[in-house]
């Protein structure tokens, strides 16, 4: 059984980035606070079209994707 991702809460609580963000060799993952105007994540969302997977399910996801070219089925 797979565990649900907690975005490495134990790391974030101590000021570190989640392990997947730190380990990504292409820096394809961005982590930050959408409420902070100085956040790298907020700047990224201003410059890119951001989408969530299956928005019709209204699950209020916390993972966003840039430049999706269609709905994931």
N, C-alpha and C. Protein backbone atom coordinates (compact mmCIF):
# COMPACT_ATOMS: atom_id res chain seq x y z
N UNK A 1 0.84 -1.17 0.00
CA UNK A 1 0.00 0.00 0.00
C UNK A 1 0.89 1.25 0.00
N UNK A 2 0.57 2.21 -0.83
CA UNK A 2 1.34 3.45 -0.92
C UNK A 2 0.86 4.47 0.10
N UNK A 3 1.79 5.20 0.65
CA UNK A 3 1.44 6.28 1.58
C UNK A 3 1.15 7.54 0.79
N UNK A 4 0.29 8.38 1.34
CA UNK A 4 -0.02 9.65 0.69
C UNK A 4 1.13 10.62 0.92
N UNK A 5 1.45 11.40 -0.08
CA UNK A 5 2.53 12.38 0.02
C UNK A 5 2.14 13.47 1.00
N UNK A 6 3.04 13.79 1.91
CA UNK A 6 2.82 14.88 2.87
C UNK A 6 3.71 16.08 2.55
N UNK A 7 4.30 16.07 1.36
CA UNK A 7 5.25 17.11 0.95
C UNK A 7 6.38 17.22 1.97
N UNK A 8 6.76 16.06 2.53
CA UNK A 8 7.84 15.98 3.51
C UNK A 8 7.64 17.00 4.63
N UNK A 9 6.49 16.95 5.27
CA UNK A 9 6.16 17.91 6.33
C UNK A 9 7.28 18.03 7.36
N UNK A 10 7.88 16.90 7.70
CA UNK A 10 8.96 16.93 8.69
C UNK A 10 10.15 17.76 8.23
N UNK A 11 10.37 17.83 6.93
CA UNK A 11 11.45 18.66 6.38
C UNK A 11 11.03 20.12 6.28
N UNK A 12 9.83 20.34 5.75
CA UNK A 12 9.33 21.71 5.55
C UNK A 12 9.20 22.43 6.90
N UNK A 13 8.78 21.71 7.94
CA UNK A 13 8.63 22.31 9.26
C UNK A 13 9.96 22.83 9.82
N UNK A 14 11.07 22.28 9.34
CA UNK A 14 12.38 22.74 9.80
C UNK A 14 13.05 23.68 8.80
N UNK A 15 12.29 24.12 7.78
CA UNK A 15 12.83 25.09 6.82
C UNK A 15 13.49 24.49 5.60
N UNK A 16 13.42 23.18 5.44
CA UNK A 16 14.01 22.53 4.27
C UNK A 16 12.96 22.34 3.17
N UNK A 17 13.42 22.07 1.98
CA UNK A 17 12.52 21.74 0.87
C UNK A 17 12.17 20.26 0.92
N UNK A 18 11.03 19.88 0.33
CA UNK A 18 10.72 18.45 0.23
C UNK A 18 11.84 17.73 -0.52
N UNK A 19 12.05 16.47 -0.20
CA UNK A 19 13.14 15.69 -0.80
C UNK A 19 13.02 15.63 -2.32
N UNK A 20 11.81 15.50 -2.85
CA UNK A 20 11.65 15.40 -4.31
C UNK A 20 12.08 16.68 -5.01
N UNK A 21 11.88 17.82 -4.38
CA UNK A 21 12.28 19.10 -4.96
C UNK A 21 13.80 19.22 -4.95
N UNK A 22 14.40 18.86 -3.83
CA UNK A 22 15.86 18.93 -3.72
C UNK A 22 16.56 17.96 -4.65
N UNK A 23 15.99 16.79 -4.84
CA UNK A 23 16.64 15.75 -5.63
C UNK A 23 16.39 15.85 -7.13
N UNK A 24 15.45 16.66 -7.55
CA UNK A 24 15.11 16.74 -8.98
C UNK A 24 16.27 17.34 -9.77
N UNK A 25 16.89 16.56 -10.66
CA UNK A 25 18.08 17.04 -11.37
C UNK A 25 17.79 18.15 -12.38
N UNK A 26 16.55 18.28 -12.82
CA UNK A 26 16.22 19.31 -13.81
C UNK A 26 15.51 20.50 -13.20
N UNK A 27 15.34 20.51 -11.90
CA UNK A 27 14.64 21.58 -11.18
C UNK A 27 13.24 21.80 -11.74
N UNK A 28 12.58 20.70 -12.09
CA UNK A 28 11.24 20.77 -12.66
C UNK A 28 10.17 20.98 -11.59
N UNK A 29 10.52 20.77 -10.35
CA UNK A 29 9.55 20.94 -9.25
C UNK A 29 9.85 22.23 -8.51
N UNK A 30 8.80 22.99 -8.26
CA UNK A 30 8.92 24.24 -7.51
C UNK A 30 8.01 24.12 -6.31
N UNK A 31 8.51 24.48 -5.15
CA UNK A 31 7.74 24.39 -3.92
C UNK A 31 7.75 25.75 -3.27
N UNK A 32 6.60 26.17 -2.76
CA UNK A 32 6.55 27.46 -2.09
C UNK A 32 5.18 27.78 -1.57
N UNK A 33 5.05 28.97 -1.05
CA UNK A 33 3.82 29.45 -0.45
C UNK A 33 3.13 30.38 -1.44
N UNK A 34 1.92 30.03 -1.86
CA UNK A 34 1.18 30.87 -2.80
C UNK A 34 0.73 32.18 -2.17
N UNK A 35 0.78 32.28 -0.86
CA UNK A 35 0.37 33.52 -0.19
C UNK A 35 1.51 34.54 -0.10
N UNK A 36 2.73 34.11 -0.37
CA UNK A 36 3.89 35.00 -0.30
C UNK A 36 4.18 35.58 -1.68
N UNK A 37 4.07 36.88 -1.81
CA UNK A 37 4.27 37.51 -3.12
C UNK A 37 5.70 37.42 -3.61
N UNK A 38 6.65 37.19 -2.71
CA UNK A 38 8.06 37.10 -3.09
C UNK A 38 8.47 35.67 -3.43
N UNK A 39 7.55 34.73 -3.35
CA UNK A 39 7.85 33.33 -3.58
C UNK A 39 8.17 33.05 -5.05
N UNK A 40 9.14 32.19 -5.27
CA UNK A 40 9.48 31.77 -6.64
C UNK A 40 8.26 31.12 -7.30
N UNK A 41 7.47 30.42 -6.51
CA UNK A 41 6.27 29.76 -7.02
C UNK A 41 5.26 30.78 -7.53
N UNK A 42 5.06 31.86 -6.82
CA UNK A 42 4.11 32.89 -7.25
C UNK A 42 4.58 33.53 -8.55
N UNK A 43 5.86 33.82 -8.65
CA UNK A 43 6.39 34.38 -9.91
C UNK A 43 6.18 33.40 -11.06
N UNK A 44 6.39 32.12 -10.81
CA UNK A 44 6.21 31.11 -11.84
C UNK A 44 4.75 31.05 -12.31
N UNK A 45 3.81 31.13 -11.37
CA UNK A 45 2.39 31.06 -11.75
C UNK A 45 1.96 32.29 -12.54
N UNK A 46 2.59 33.42 -12.31
CA UNK A 46 2.27 34.62 -13.10
C UNK A 46 2.73 34.49 -14.55
N UNK A 47 3.81 33.76 -14.77
CA UNK A 47 4.41 33.69 -16.10
C UNK A 47 3.98 32.47 -16.90
N UNK A 48 3.24 31.54 -16.31
CA UNK A 48 2.85 30.30 -16.98
C UNK A 48 1.37 30.02 -16.77
N UNK A 49 0.79 29.31 -17.71
CA UNK A 49 -0.59 28.85 -17.54
C UNK A 49 -0.54 27.64 -16.62
N UNK A 50 -1.24 27.71 -15.51
CA UNK A 50 -1.20 26.68 -14.48
C UNK A 50 -2.51 25.91 -14.48
N UNK A 51 -2.41 24.60 -14.35
CA UNK A 51 -3.58 23.73 -14.36
C UNK A 51 -3.47 22.71 -13.23
N UNK A 52 -4.61 22.13 -12.88
CA UNK A 52 -4.65 20.99 -11.96
C UNK A 52 -5.18 19.81 -12.74
N UNK A 53 -4.91 18.61 -12.24
CA UNK A 53 -5.43 17.41 -12.90
C UNK A 53 -6.89 17.20 -12.51
N UNK A 54 -7.72 16.88 -13.46
CA UNK A 54 -9.14 16.57 -13.25
C UNK A 54 -9.87 17.63 -12.41
N UNK A 55 -9.91 18.86 -12.88
CA UNK A 55 -10.55 19.92 -12.10
C UNK A 55 -12.05 19.67 -11.88
N UNK A 56 -12.66 18.88 -12.72
CA UNK A 56 -14.09 18.61 -12.59
C UNK A 56 -14.44 17.85 -11.31
N UNK A 57 -13.44 17.23 -10.68
CA UNK A 57 -13.69 16.49 -9.45
C UNK A 57 -13.76 17.40 -8.22
N UNK A 58 -13.36 18.67 -8.37
CA UNK A 58 -13.42 19.66 -7.28
C UNK A 58 -12.76 19.16 -6.00
N UNK A 59 -11.57 18.59 -6.11
CA UNK A 59 -10.87 18.06 -4.93
C UNK A 59 -9.93 19.08 -4.29
N UNK A 60 -9.83 20.27 -4.83
CA UNK A 60 -8.95 21.32 -4.34
C UNK A 60 -7.50 20.83 -4.20
N UNK A 61 -6.91 20.35 -5.30
CA UNK A 61 -5.55 19.82 -5.23
C UNK A 61 -4.52 20.89 -4.90
N UNK A 62 -3.40 20.45 -4.39
CA UNK A 62 -2.30 21.34 -4.04
C UNK A 62 -1.11 21.19 -4.98
N UNK A 63 -1.26 20.41 -6.02
CA UNK A 63 -0.20 20.22 -7.02
C UNK A 63 -0.69 20.85 -8.31
N UNK A 64 0.12 21.73 -8.88
CA UNK A 64 -0.23 22.44 -10.10
C UNK A 64 0.75 22.07 -11.20
N UNK A 65 0.28 22.10 -12.43
CA UNK A 65 1.10 21.76 -13.58
C UNK A 65 1.09 22.92 -14.56
N UNK A 66 2.23 23.18 -15.17
CA UNK A 66 2.34 24.25 -16.16
C UNK A 66 2.22 23.66 -17.56
N UNK A 67 1.50 24.40 -18.40
CA UNK A 67 1.43 24.09 -19.84
C UNK A 67 0.87 22.72 -20.17
N UNK A 68 -0.13 22.24 -19.45
CA UNK A 68 -0.79 21.00 -19.84
C UNK A 68 -1.50 21.24 -21.16
N UNK A 69 -1.46 20.25 -22.05
CA UNK A 69 -2.09 20.44 -23.35
C UNK A 69 -3.44 19.72 -23.46
N UNK A 70 -3.97 19.25 -22.38
CA UNK A 70 -5.27 18.59 -22.40
C UNK A 70 -5.54 17.94 -21.06
N UNK A 71 -6.77 17.48 -20.87
CA UNK A 71 -7.13 16.85 -19.61
C UNK A 71 -6.54 15.46 -19.51
N UNK A 72 -6.04 15.15 -18.34
CA UNK A 72 -5.50 13.81 -18.09
C UNK A 72 -6.68 12.91 -17.76
N UNK A 73 -6.72 11.76 -18.37
CA UNK A 73 -7.84 10.84 -18.13
C UNK A 73 -7.39 9.64 -17.33
